[in-house]
PDB file of N, CA and C in Angstrom:
ATOM      1  N   UNK A   1      87.332 108.794  60.094  1.00  0.00           N
ATOM      2  CA  UNK A   1      86.136 109.250  59.431  1.00  0.00           C
ATOM      3  C   UNK A   1      84.955 109.068  60.363  1.00  0.00           C
ATOM      4  N   UNK A   2      84.266 110.145  60.642  1.00  0.00           N
ATOM      5  CA  UNK A   2      83.116 110.091  61.518  1.00  0.00           C
ATOM      6  C   UNK A   2      81.875 109.753  60.709  1.00  0.00           C
ATOM      7  N   UNK A   3      81.054 108.903  61.286  1.00  0.00           N
ATOM      8  CA  UNK A   3      79.843 108.460  60.611  1.00  0.00           C
ATOM      9  C   UNK A   3      78.651 109.061  61.347  1.00  0.00           C
ATOM     10  N   UNK A   4      77.874 109.823  60.621  1.00  0.00           N
ATOM     11  CA  UNK A   4      76.676 110.407  61.205  1.00  0.00           C
ATOM     12  C   UNK A   4      75.457 109.929  60.431  1.00  0.00           C
ATOM     13  N   UNK A   5      74.408 109.583  61.170  1.00  0.00           N
ATOM     14  CA  UNK A   5      73.158 109.201  60.537  1.00  0.00           C
ATOM     15  C   UNK A   5      72.229 110.391  60.609  1.00  0.00           C
ATOM     16  N   UNK A   6      71.487 110.608  59.589  1.00  0.00           N
ATOM     17  CA  UNK A   6      70.546 111.712  59.592  1.00  0.00           C
ATOM     18  C   UNK A   6      69.347 111.362  60.463  1.00  0.00           C
ATOM     19  N   UNK A   7      69.005 112.244  61.398  1.00  0.00           N
ATOM     20  CA  UNK A   7      67.837 111.952  62.243  1.00  0.00           C
ATOM     21  C   UNK A   7      66.535 112.117  61.470  1.00  0.00           C
ATOM     22  N   UNK A   8      65.596 111.265  61.811  1.00  0.00           N
ATOM     23  CA  UNK A   8      64.271 111.373  61.205  1.00  0.00           C
ATOM     24  C   UNK A   8      63.511 112.481  61.915  1.00  0.00           C
ATOM     25  N   UNK A   9      62.601 113.142  61.241  1.00  0.00           N
ATOM     26  CA  UNK A   9      61.891 114.262  61.877  1.00  0.00           C
ATOM     27  C   UNK A   9      60.993 113.837  63.043  1.00  0.00           C
ATOM     28  N   UNK A  10      60.405 112.651  62.991  1.00  0.00           N
ATOM     29  CA  UNK A  10      59.502 112.192  64.051  1.00  0.00           C
ATOM     30  C   UNK A  10      60.156 111.099  64.899  1.00  0.00           C
ATOM     31  N   UNK A  11      61.410 111.265  65.200  1.00  0.00           N
ATOM     32  CA  UNK A  11      62.175 110.252  65.918  1.00  0.00           C
ATOM     33  C   UNK A  11      61.816 110.277  67.419  1.00  0.00           C
ATOM     34  N   UNK A  12      61.565 109.096  67.993  1.00  0.00           N
ATOM     35  CA  UNK A  12      61.260 109.027  69.417  1.00  0.00           C
ATOM     36  C   UNK A  12      62.562 109.093  70.211  1.00  0.00           C
ATOM     37  N   UNK A  13      62.425 109.242  71.510  1.00  0.00           N
ATOM     38  CA  UNK A  13      63.599 109.334  72.374  1.00  0.00           C
ATOM     39  C   UNK A  13      64.402 108.049  72.353  1.00  0.00           C
ATOM     40  N   UNK A  14      63.729 106.908  72.347  1.00  0.00           N
ATOM     41  CA  UNK A  14      64.423 105.621  72.312  1.00  0.00           C
ATOM     42  C   UNK A  14      65.181 105.455  71.001  1.00  0.00           C
ATOM     43  N   UNK A  15      64.553 105.842  69.890  1.00  0.00           N
ATOM     44  CA  UNK A  15      65.226 105.742  68.595  1.00  0.00           C
ATOM     45  C   UNK A  15      66.436 106.679  68.530  1.00  0.00           C
ATOM     46  N   UNK A  16      66.291 107.865  69.115  1.00  0.00           N
ATOM     47  CA  UNK A  16      67.392 108.818  69.150  1.00  0.00           C
ATOM     48  C   UNK A  16      68.559 108.251  69.963  1.00  0.00           C
ATOM     49  N   UNK A  17      68.263 107.611  71.089  1.00  0.00           N
ATOM     50  CA  UNK A  17      69.288 107.010  71.930  1.00  0.00           C
ATOM     51  C   UNK A  17      70.011 105.885  71.193  1.00  0.00           C
ATOM     52  N   UNK A  18      69.269 105.053  70.487  1.00  0.00           N
ATOM     53  CA  UNK A  18      69.864 103.959  69.719  1.00  0.00           C
ATOM     54  C   UNK A  18      70.745 104.522  68.611  1.00  0.00           C
ATOM     55  N   UNK A  19      70.267 105.565  67.907  1.00  0.00           N
ATOM     56  CA  UNK A  19      71.036 106.168  66.821  1.00  0.00           C
ATOM     57  C   UNK A  19      72.349 106.746  67.345  1.00  0.00           C
ATOM     58  N   UNK A  20      72.302 107.448  68.481  1.00  0.00           N
ATOM     59  CA  UNK A  20      73.516 108.049  69.048  1.00  0.00           C
ATOM     60  C   UNK A  20      74.488 106.964  69.523  1.00  0.00           C
ATOM     61  N   UNK A  21      73.971 105.875  70.093  1.00  0.00           N
ATOM     62  CA  UNK A  21      74.838 104.770  70.519  1.00  0.00           C
ATOM     63  C   UNK A  21      75.514 104.124  69.318  1.00  0.00           C
ATOM     64  N   UNK A  22      74.770 103.962  68.229  1.00  0.00           N
ATOM     65  CA  UNK A  22      75.332 103.382  67.013  1.00  0.00           C
ATOM     66  C   UNK A  22      76.427 104.294  66.439  1.00  0.00           C
ATOM     67  N   UNK A  23      76.169 105.621  66.444  1.00  0.00           N
ATOM     68  CA  UNK A  23      77.175 106.574  65.970  1.00  0.00           C
ATOM     69  C   UNK A  23      78.436 106.503  66.831  1.00  0.00           C
ATOM     70  N   UNK A  24      78.249 106.433  68.119  1.00  0.00           N
ATOM     71  CA  UNK A  24      79.389 106.373  69.046  1.00  0.00           C
ATOM     72  C   UNK A  24      80.198 105.105  68.814  1.00  0.00           C
ATOM     73  N   UNK A  25      79.535 103.980  68.621  1.00  0.00           N
ATOM     74  CA  UNK A  25      80.236 102.715  68.370  1.00  0.00           C
ATOM     75  C   UNK A  25      80.990 102.772  67.042  1.00  0.00           C
ATOM     76  N   UNK A  26      80.375 103.314  66.009  1.00  0.00           N
ATOM     77  CA  UNK A  26      81.034 103.415  64.706  1.00  0.00           C
ATOM     78  C   UNK A  26      82.242 104.339  64.769  1.00  0.00           C
ATOM     79  N   UNK A  27      82.113 105.470  65.470  1.00  0.00           N
ATOM     80  CA  UNK A  27      83.232 106.402  65.601  1.00  0.00           C
ATOM     81  C   UNK A  27      84.363 105.792  66.420  1.00  0.00           C
ATOM     82  N   UNK A  28      84.032 105.044  67.453  1.00  0.00           N
ATOM     83  CA  UNK A  28      85.050 104.371  68.250  1.00  0.00           C
ATOM     84  C   UNK A  28      85.787 103.319  67.453  1.00  0.00           C
ATOM     85  N   UNK A  29      85.053 102.574  66.641  1.00  0.00           N
ATOM     86  CA  UNK A  29      85.671 101.559  65.790  1.00  0.00           C
ATOM     87  C   UNK A  29      86.611 102.207  64.779  1.00  0.00           C
ATOM     88  N   UNK A  30      86.180 103.327  64.190  1.00  0.00           N
ATOM     89  CA  UNK A  30      87.029 104.033  63.218  1.00  0.00           C
ATOM     90  C   UNK A  30      88.284 104.573  63.896  1.00  0.00           C
ATOM     91  N   UNK A  31      88.145 105.110  65.107  1.00  0.00           N
ATOM     92  CA  UNK A  31      89.308 105.619  65.840  1.00  0.00           C
ATOM     93  C   UNK A  31      90.285 104.485  66.142  1.00  0.00           C
ATOM     94  N   UNK A  32      89.769 103.326  66.520  1.00  0.00           N
ATOM     95  CA  UNK A  32      90.624 102.180  66.817  1.00  0.00           C
ATOM     96  C   UNK A  32      91.444 101.787  65.584  1.00  0.00           C
ATOM     97  N   UNK A  33      90.809 101.705  64.420  1.00  0.00           N
ATOM     98  CA  UNK A  33      91.522 101.298  63.211  1.00  0.00           C
ATOM     99  C   UNK A  33      92.563 102.337  62.798  1.00  0.00           C
ATOM    100  N   UNK A  34      92.293 103.626  63.064  1.00  0.00           N
ATOM    101  CA  UNK A  34      93.266 104.660  62.729  1.00  0.00           C
ATOM    102  C   UNK A  34      94.472 104.641  63.668  1.00  0.00           C
ATOM    103  N   UNK A  35      94.298 104.226  64.927  1.00  0.00           N
ATOM    104  CA  UNK A  35      95.337 104.341  65.956  1.00  0.00           C
ATOM    105  C   UNK A  35      95.787 102.992  66.500  1.00  0.00           C
ATOM    106  N   UNK A  36      95.658 101.950  65.732  1.00  0.00           N
ATOM    107  CA  UNK A  36      95.979 100.608  66.202  1.00  0.00           C
ATOM    108  C   UNK A  36      97.417 100.482  66.701  1.00  0.00           C
ATOM    109  N   UNK A  37      98.379 101.018  65.952  1.00  0.00           N
ATOM    110  CA  UNK A  37      99.788 100.888  66.327  1.00  0.00           C
ATOM    111  C   UNK A  37     100.092 101.624  67.627  1.00  0.00           C
ATOM    112  N   UNK A  38      99.515 102.806  67.770  1.00  0.00           N
ATOM    113  CA  UNK A  38      99.741 103.576  69.002  1.00  0.00           C
ATOM    114  C   UNK A  38      99.151 102.864  70.214  1.00  0.00           C
ATOM    115  N   UNK A  39      98.007 102.247  70.026  1.00  0.00           N
ATOM    116  CA  UNK A  39      97.376 101.525  71.138  1.00  0.00           C
ATOM    117  C   UNK A  39      98.255 100.361  71.572  1.00  0.00           C
ATOM    118  N   UNK A  40      98.808  99.635  70.612  1.00  0.00           N
ATOM    119  CA  UNK A  40      99.682  98.508  70.950  1.00  0.00           C
ATOM    120  C   UNK A  40     100.974  98.976  71.615  1.00  0.00           C
ATOM    121  N   UNK A  41     101.448 100.162  71.256  1.00  0.00           N
ATOM    122  CA  UNK A  41     102.678 100.684  71.832  1.00  0.00           C
ATOM    123  C   UNK A  41     102.461 101.245  73.230  1.00  0.00           C
ATOM    124  N   UNK A  42     101.428 102.071  73.399  1.00  0.00           N
ATOM    125  CA  UNK A  42     101.222 102.756  74.668  1.00  0.00           C
ATOM    126  C   UNK A  42     100.255 102.047  75.611  1.00  0.00           C
ATOM    127  N   UNK A  43      99.548 101.045  75.142  1.00  0.00           N
ATOM    128  CA  UNK A  43      98.573 100.342  75.979  1.00  0.00           C
ATOM    129  C   UNK A  43      99.161  99.760  77.245  1.00  0.00           C
ATOM    130  N   UNK A  44     100.235  98.965  77.158  1.00  0.00           N
ATOM    131  CA  UNK A  44     100.810  98.386  78.377  1.00  0.00           C
ATOM    132  C   UNK A  44     101.322  99.441  79.357  1.00  0.00           C
ATOM    133  N   UNK A  45     101.869 100.523  78.837  1.00  0.00           N
ATOM    134  CA  UNK A  45     102.362 101.596  79.711  1.00  0.00           C
ATOM    135  C   UNK A  45     101.200 102.234  80.458  1.00  0.00           C
ATOM    136  N   UNK A  46     100.135 102.533  79.744  1.00  0.00           N
ATOM    137  CA  UNK A  46      98.965 103.156  80.362  1.00  0.00           C
ATOM    138  C   UNK A  46      98.342 102.234  81.404  1.00  0.00           C
ATOM    139  N   UNK A  47      98.246 100.934  81.099  1.00  0.00           N
ATOM    140  CA  UNK A  47      97.653 100.003  82.054  1.00  0.00           C
ATOM    141  C   UNK A  47      98.491  99.884  83.319  1.00  0.00           C
ATOM    142  N   UNK A  48      99.817  99.838  83.181  1.00  0.00           N
ATOM    143  CA  UNK A  48     100.662  99.717  84.371  1.00  0.00           C
ATOM    144  C   UNK A  48     100.591 100.987  85.208  1.00  0.00           C
ATOM    145  N   UNK A  49     100.575 102.155  84.561  1.00  0.00           N
ATOM    146  CA  UNK A  49     100.455 103.406  85.309  1.00  0.00           C
ATOM    147  C   UNK A  49      99.096 103.520  85.994  1.00  0.00           C
ATOM    148  N   UNK A  50      98.053 103.064  85.324  1.00  0.00           N
ATOM    149  CA  UNK A  50      96.727 103.134  85.947  1.00  0.00           C
ATOM    150  C   UNK A  50      96.644 102.180  87.138  1.00  0.00           C
ATOM    151  N   UNK A  51      97.303 101.014  87.048  1.00  0.00           N
ATOM    152  CA  UNK A  51      97.321 100.100  88.192  1.00  0.00           C
ATOM    153  C   UNK A  51      98.042 100.708  89.382  1.00  0.00           C
ATOM    154  N   UNK A  52      99.160 101.376  89.135  1.00  0.00           N
ATOM    155  CA  UNK A  52      99.888 102.047  90.208  1.00  0.00           C
ATOM    156  C   UNK A  52      99.036 103.152  90.813  1.00  0.00           C
ATOM    157  N   UNK A  53      98.368 103.918  89.963  1.00  0.00           N
ATOM    158  CA  UNK A  53      97.508 104.995  90.439  1.00  0.00           C
ATOM    159  C   UNK A  53      96.384 104.452  91.319  1.00  0.00           C
ATOM    160  N   UNK A  54      95.773 103.351  90.925  1.00  0.00           N
ATOM    161  CA  UNK A  54      94.693 102.753  91.711  1.00  0.00           C
ATOM    162  C   UNK A  54      95.209 102.299  93.074  1.00  0.00           C
ATOM    163  N   UNK A  55      96.400 101.699  93.106  1.00  0.00           N
ATOM    164  CA  UNK A  55      96.971 101.261  94.389  1.00  0.00           C
ATOM    165  C   UNK A  55      97.242 102.445  95.308  1.00  0.00           C
ATOM    166  N   UNK A  56      97.829 103.509  94.782  1.00  0.00           N
ATOM    167  CA  UNK A  56      98.164 104.668  95.601  1.00  0.00           C
ATOM    168  C   UNK A  56      96.896 105.331  96.142  1.00  0.00           C
ATOM    169  N   UNK A  57      95.921 105.505  95.274  1.00  0.00           N
ATOM    170  CA  UNK A  57      94.668 106.132  95.704  1.00  0.00           C
ATOM    171  C   UNK A  57      93.954 105.244  96.721  1.00  0.00           C
ATOM    172  N   UNK A  58      93.973 103.929  96.509  1.00  0.00           N
ATOM    173  CA  UNK A  58      93.341 103.009  97.468  1.00  0.00           C
ATOM    174  C   UNK A  58      93.992 103.074  98.832  1.00  0.00           C
ATOM    175  N   UNK A  59      95.327 103.137  98.869  1.00  0.00           N
ATOM    176  CA  UNK A  59      96.018 103.251 100.158  1.00  0.00           C
ATOM    177  C   UNK A  59      95.659 104.549 100.849  1.00  0.00           C
ATOM    178  N   UNK A  60      95.577 105.629 100.079  1.00  0.00           N
ATOM    179  CA  UNK A  60      95.239 106.928 100.670  1.00  0.00           C
ATOM    180  C   UNK A  60      93.825 106.922 101.244  1.00  0.00           C
ATOM    181  N   UNK A  61      92.900 106.318 100.537  1.00  0.00           N
ATOM    182  CA  UNK A  61      91.519 106.244 101.022  1.00  0.00           C
ATOM    183  C   UNK A  61      91.455 105.420 102.308  1.00  0.00           C
ATOM    184  N   UNK A  62      92.148 104.269 102.335  1.00  0.00           N
ATOM    185  CA  UNK A  62      92.139 103.438 103.540  1.00  0.00           C
ATOM    186  C   UNK A  62      92.779 104.160 104.722  1.00  0.00           C
ATOM    187  N   UNK A  63      93.856 104.891 104.475  1.00  0.00           N
ATOM    188  CA  UNK A  63      94.504 105.647 105.537  1.00  0.00           C
ATOM    189  C   UNK A  63      93.570 106.712 106.090  1.00  0.00           C
ATOM    190  N   UNK A  64      92.854 107.384 105.187  1.00  0.00           N
ATOM    191  CA  UNK A  64      91.907 108.417 105.622  1.00  0.00           C
ATOM    192  C   UNK A  64      90.784 107.810 106.463  1.00  0.00           C
ATOM    193  N   UNK A  65      90.294 106.636 106.061  1.00  0.00           N
ATOM    194  CA  UNK A  65      89.247 105.967 106.837  1.00  0.00           C
ATOM    195  C   UNK A  65      89.752 105.590 108.226  1.00  0.00           C
ATOM    196  N   UNK A  66      90.985 105.072 108.306  1.00  0.00           N
ATOM    197  CA  UNK A  66      91.561 104.702 109.602  1.00  0.00           C
ATOM    198  C   UNK A  66      91.723 105.926 110.496  1.00  0.00           C
ATOM    199  N   UNK A  67      92.153 107.051 109.924  1.00  0.00           N
ATOM    200  CA  UNK A  67      92.301 108.280 110.712  1.00  0.00           C
ATOM    201  C   UNK A  67      90.942 108.735 111.245  1.00  0.00           C
ATOM    202  N   UNK A  68      89.901 108.656 110.400  1.00  0.00           N
ATOM    203  CA  UNK A  68      88.566 109.050 110.848  1.00  0.00           C
ATOM    204  C   UNK A  68      88.088 108.153 111.982  1.00  0.00           C
ATOM    205  N   UNK A  69      88.334 106.860 111.874  1.00  0.00           N
ATOM    206  CA  UNK A  69      87.918 105.944 112.932  1.00  0.00           C
ATOM    207  C   UNK A  69      88.649 106.269 114.228  1.00  0.00           C
ATOM    208  N   UNK A  70      89.940 106.545 114.116  1.00  0.00           N
ATOM    209  CA  UNK A  70      90.739 106.845 115.300  1.00  0.00           C
ATOM    210  C   UNK A  70      90.298 108.143 115.964  1.00  0.00           C
ATOM    211  N   UNK A  71      89.990 109.152 115.162  1.00  0.00           N
ATOM    212  CA  UNK A  71      89.705 110.475 115.713  1.00  0.00           C
ATOM    213  C   UNK A  71      88.228 110.730 115.989  1.00  0.00           C
ATOM    214  N   UNK A  72      87.343 110.005 115.366  1.00  0.00           N
ATOM    215  CA  UNK A  72      85.914 110.306 115.499  1.00  0.00           C
ATOM    216  C   UNK A  72      85.140 109.259 116.292  1.00  0.00           C
ATOM    217  N   UNK A  73      85.862 108.381 116.994  1.00  0.00           N
ATOM    218  CA  UNK A  73      85.209 107.413 117.872  1.00  0.00           C
ATOM    219  C   UNK A  73      85.935 107.410 119.208  1.00  0.00           C
ATOM    220  N   UNK A  74      85.185 107.207 120.269  1.00  0.00           N
ATOM    221  CA  UNK A  74      85.756 107.164 121.606  1.00  0.00           C
ATOM    222  C   UNK A  74      85.274 105.872 122.272  1.00  0.00           C
ATOM    223  N   UNK A  75      86.221 105.095 122.802  1.00  0.00           N
ATOM    224  CA  UNK A  75      85.890 103.793 123.371  1.00  0.00           C
ATOM    225  C   UNK A  75      85.611 103.925 124.862  1.00  0.00           C
ATOM    226  N   UNK A  76      84.502 103.368 125.310  1.00  0.00           N
ATOM    227  CA  UNK A  76      84.130 103.353 126.720  1.00  0.00           C
ATOM    228  C   UNK A  76      84.394 101.949 127.249  1.00  0.00           C
ATOM    229  N   UNK A  77      85.410 101.803 128.094  1.00  0.00           N
ATOM    230  CA  UNK A  77      85.777 100.478 128.599  1.00  0.00           C
ATOM    231  C   UNK A  77      84.722  99.884 129.527  1.00  0.00           C
ATOM    232  N   UNK A  78      84.047 100.736 130.266  1.00  0.00           N
ATOM    233  CA  UNK A  78      83.060 100.205 131.205  1.00  0.00           C
ATOM    234  C   UNK A  78      81.884  99.551 130.472  1.00  0.00           C
ATOM    235  N   UNK A  79      81.521 100.092 129.314  1.00  0.00           N
ATOM    236  CA  UNK A  79      80.420  99.525 128.541  1.00  0.00           C
ATOM    237  C   UNK A  79      80.890  98.621 127.414  1.00  0.00           C
ATOM    238  N   UNK A  80      82.170  98.726 127.051  1.00  0.00           N
ATOM    239  CA  UNK A  80      82.666  97.978 125.910  1.00  0.00           C
ATOM    240  C   UNK A  80      82.042  98.469 124.620  1.00  0.00           C
ATOM    241  N   UNK A  81      81.879  99.786 124.514  1.00  0.00           N
ATOM    242  CA  UNK A  81      81.135 100.386 123.410  1.00  0.00           C
ATOM    243  C   UNK A  81      81.920 101.569 122.847  1.00  0.00           C
ATOM    244  N   UNK A  82      81.841 101.756 121.518  1.00  0.00           N
ATOM    245  CA  UNK A  82      82.426 102.931 120.880  1.00  0.00           C
ATOM    246  C   UNK A  82      81.353 104.009 120.748  1.00  0.00           C
ATOM    247  N   UNK A  83      81.707 105.243 121.085  1.00  0.00           N
ATOM    248  CA  UNK A  83      80.814 106.375 120.923  1.00  0.00           C
ATOM    249  C   UNK A  83      81.238 107.152 119.684  1.00  0.00           C
ATOM    250  N   UNK A  84      80.310 107.368 118.747  1.00  0.00           N
ATOM    251  CA  UNK A  84      80.601 108.128 117.533  1.00  0.00           C
ATOM    252  C   UNK A  84      80.545 109.617 117.865  1.00  0.00           C
ATOM    253  N   UNK A  85      81.573 110.341 117.435  1.00  0.00           N
ATOM    254  CA  UNK A  85      81.680 111.764 117.732  1.00  0.00           C
ATOM    255  C   UNK A  85      81.419 112.595 116.483  1.00  0.00           C
ATOM    256  N   UNK A  86      80.906 113.810 116.674  1.00  0.00           N
ATOM    257  CA  UNK A  86      80.672 114.722 115.560  1.00  0.00           C
ATOM    258  C   UNK A  86      81.977 115.304 115.032  1.00  0.00           C
ATOM    259  N   UNK A  87      82.920 115.521 115.938  1.00  0.00           N
ATOM    260  CA  UNK A  87      84.187 116.152 115.585  1.00  0.00           C
ATOM    261  C   UNK A  87      85.278 115.597 116.479  1.00  0.00           C
ATOM    262  N   UNK A  88      86.522 115.946 116.165  1.00  0.00           N
ATOM    263  CA  UNK A  88      87.631 115.526 117.007  1.00  0.00           C
ATOM    264  C   UNK A  88      87.590 116.299 118.322  1.00  0.00           C
ATOM    265  N   UNK A  89      88.007 115.645 119.379  1.00  0.00           N
ATOM    266  CA  UNK A  89      88.077 116.309 120.670  1.00  0.00           C
ATOM    267  C   UNK A  89      89.394 117.071 120.784  1.00  0.00           C
ATOM    268  N   UNK A  90      89.338 118.231 121.427  1.00  0.00           N
ATOM    269  CA  UNK A  90      90.552 119.017 121.647  1.00  0.00           C
ATOM    270  C   UNK A  90      91.294 118.467 122.856  1.00  0.00           C
ATOM    271  N   UNK A  91      92.522 118.933 123.050  1.00  0.00           N
ATOM    272  CA  UNK A  91      93.302 118.492 124.203  1.00  0.00           C
ATOM    273  C   UNK A  91      92.649 118.914 125.511  1.00  0.00           C
ATOM    274  N   UNK A  92      92.073 120.110 125.553  1.00  0.00           N
ATOM    275  CA  UNK A  92      91.381 120.570 126.762  1.00  0.00           C
ATOM    276  C   UNK A  92      90.202 119.653 127.090  1.00  0.00           C
ATOM    277  N   UNK A  93      89.473 119.244 126.057  1.00  0.00           N
ATOM    278  CA  UNK A  93      88.328 118.351 126.279  1.00  0.00           C
ATOM    279  C   UNK A  93      88.793 116.985 126.777  1.00  0.00           C
ATOM    280  N   UNK A  94      89.909 116.473 126.239  1.00  0.00           N
ATOM    281  CA  UNK A  94      90.428 115.191 126.726  1.00  0.00           C
ATOM    282  C   UNK A  94      90.848 115.300 128.185  1.00  0.00           C
ATOM    283  N   UNK A  95      91.469 116.429 128.555  1.00  0.00           N
ATOM    284  CA  UNK A  95      91.849 116.625 129.964  1.00  0.00           C
ATOM    285  C   UNK A  95      90.611 116.687 130.852  1.00  0.00           C
ATOM    286  N   UNK A  96      89.582 117.381 130.392  1.00  0.00           N
ATOM    287  CA  UNK A  96      88.345 117.477 131.161  1.00  0.00           C
ATOM    288  C   UNK A  96      87.706 116.094 131.302  1.00  0.00           C
ATOM    289  N   UNK A  97      87.691 115.326 130.222  1.00  0.00           N
ATOM    290  CA  UNK A  97      87.121 113.979 130.278  1.00  0.00           C
ATOM    291  C   UNK A  97      87.896 113.117 131.261  1.00  0.00           C
ATOM    292  N   UNK A  98      89.214 113.181 131.196  1.00  0.00           N
ATOM    293  CA  UNK A  98      90.049 112.394 132.110  1.00  0.00           C
ATOM    294  C   UNK A  98      89.768 112.755 133.558  1.00  0.00           C
ATOM    295  N   UNK A  99      89.700 114.044 133.855  1.00  0.00           N
ATOM    296  CA  UNK A  99      89.442 114.491 135.228  1.00  0.00           C
ATOM    297  C   UNK A  99      88.060 114.052 135.696  1.00  0.00           C
ATOM    298  N   UNK A 100      87.060 114.199 134.858  1.00  0.00           N
ATOM    299  CA  UNK A 100      85.698 113.847 135.253  1.00  0.00           C
ATOM    300  C   UNK A 100      85.529 112.332 135.393  1.00  0.00           C
ATOM    301  N   UNK A 101      86.251 111.548 134.564  1.00  0.00           N
ATOM    302  CA  UNK A 101      86.191 110.095 134.717  1.00  0.00           C
ATOM    303  C   UNK A 101      86.822 109.663 136.034  1.00  0.00           C
ATOM    304  N   UNK A 102      87.884 110.355 136.436  1.00  0.00           N
ATOM    305  CA  UNK A 102      88.504 110.051 137.729  1.00  0.00           C
ATOM    306  C   UNK A 102      87.549 110.367 138.874  1.00  0.00           C
ATOM    307  N   UNK A 103      86.677 111.339 138.679  1.00  0.00           N
ATOM    308  CA  UNK A 103      85.688 111.693 139.702  1.00  0.00           C
ATOM    309  C   UNK A 103      84.494 110.739 139.704  1.00  0.00           C
ATOM    310  N   UNK A 104      84.460 109.776 138.755  1.00  0.00           N
ATOM    311  CA  UNK A 104      83.423 108.756 138.770  1.00  0.00           C
ATOM    312  C   UNK A 104      82.293 108.971 137.790  1.00  0.00           C
ATOM    313  N   UNK A 105      82.359 109.983 136.950  1.00  0.00           N
ATOM    314  CA  UNK A 105      81.291 110.194 135.970  1.00  0.00           C
ATOM    315  C   UNK A 105      81.447 109.214 134.812  1.00  0.00           C
ATOM    316  N   UNK A 106      80.324 108.920 134.170  1.00  0.00           N
ATOM    317  CA  UNK A 106      80.360 108.020 133.023  1.00  0.00           C
ATOM    318  C   UNK A 106      80.758 108.794 131.766  1.00  0.00           C
ATOM    319  N   UNK A 107      81.476 108.103 130.877  1.00  0.00           N
ATOM    320  CA  UNK A 107      81.952 108.736 129.646  1.00  0.00           C
ATOM    321  C   UNK A 107      80.795 109.210 128.782  1.00  0.00           C
ATOM    322  N   UNK A 108      79.727 108.442 128.739  1.00  0.00           N
ATOM    323  CA  UNK A 108      78.582 108.835 127.903  1.00  0.00           C
ATOM    324  C   UNK A 108      77.976 110.148 128.383  1.00  0.00           C
ATOM    325  N   UNK A 109      77.889 110.337 129.698  1.00  0.00           N
ATOM    326  CA  UNK A 109      77.338 111.588 130.231  1.00  0.00           C
ATOM    327  C   UNK A 109      78.247 112.772 129.922  1.00  0.00           C
ATOM    328  N   UNK A 110      79.550 112.554 130.026  1.00  0.00           N
ATOM    329  CA  UNK A 110      80.507 113.633 129.753  1.00  0.00           C
ATOM    330  C   UNK A 110      80.424 114.045 128.288  1.00  0.00           C
ATOM    331  N   UNK A 111      80.415 113.068 127.379  1.00  0.00           N
ATOM    332  CA  UNK A 111      80.357 113.378 125.952  1.00  0.00           C
ATOM    333  C   UNK A 111      79.032 114.039 125.587  1.00  0.00           C
ATOM    334  N   UNK A 112      77.947 113.641 126.246  1.00  0.00           N
ATOM    335  CA  UNK A 112      76.656 114.253 125.978  1.00  0.00           C
ATOM    336  C   UNK A 112      76.652 115.714 126.424  1.00  0.00           C
ATOM    337  N   UNK A 113      77.273 115.992 127.569  1.00  0.00           N
ATOM    338  CA  UNK A 113      77.347 117.383 128.043  1.00  0.00           C
ATOM    339  C   UNK A 113      78.227 118.240 127.142  1.00  0.00           C
ATOM    340  N   UNK A 114      79.267 117.657 126.583  1.00  0.00           N
ATOM    341  CA  UNK A 114      80.132 118.403 125.671  1.00  0.00           C
ATOM    342  C   UNK A 114      79.478 118.590 124.294  1.00  0.00           C
ATOM    343  N   UNK A 115      78.363 117.908 124.050  1.00  0.00           N
ATOM    344  CA  UNK A 115      77.611 117.967 122.802  1.00  0.00           C
ATOM    345  C   UNK A 115      78.477 117.563 121.601  1.00  0.00           C
ATOM    346  N   UNK A 116      79.206 116.477 121.767  1.00  0.00           N
ATOM    347  CA  UNK A 116      80.031 115.974 120.668  1.00  0.00           C
ATOM    348  C   UNK A 116      79.537 114.636 120.139  1.00  0.00           C
ATOM    349  N   UNK A 117      78.485 114.074 120.736  1.00  0.00           N
ATOM    350  CA  UNK A 117      77.957 112.804 120.241  1.00  0.00           C
ATOM    351  C   UNK A 117      77.164 113.023 118.969  1.00  0.00           C
ATOM    352  N   UNK A 118      77.250 112.077 118.072  1.00  0.00           N
ATOM    353  CA  UNK A 118      76.457 112.147 116.837  1.00  0.00           C
ATOM    354  C   UNK A 118      75.014 111.900 117.145  1.00  0.00           C
TER     355      UNK A 118
END
């Protein structure tokens, strides 16, 4: 049974918010009393499934963060510094970086010329 309160004609916004919250609480309480047995039966199943879902989603998020760190940062050994990149470097760019580093150029200058630094 849903409980509705009649709004007053000159009701302020705060009073309207309180009235709607009270209606929501009363309707939730009525729903609980109507479905008590189902909640006791399916509650543990839902909680265990939600815990599994949270673990799986958390692992996926952490994996995605690790991939971003691996692909969007470049470590400069001479400076001991990570350079943040705008995008992943292609294989051609890695070959160019390797060749230019062998020629004595600094990694920061190479990445700046490639316009991949954030």
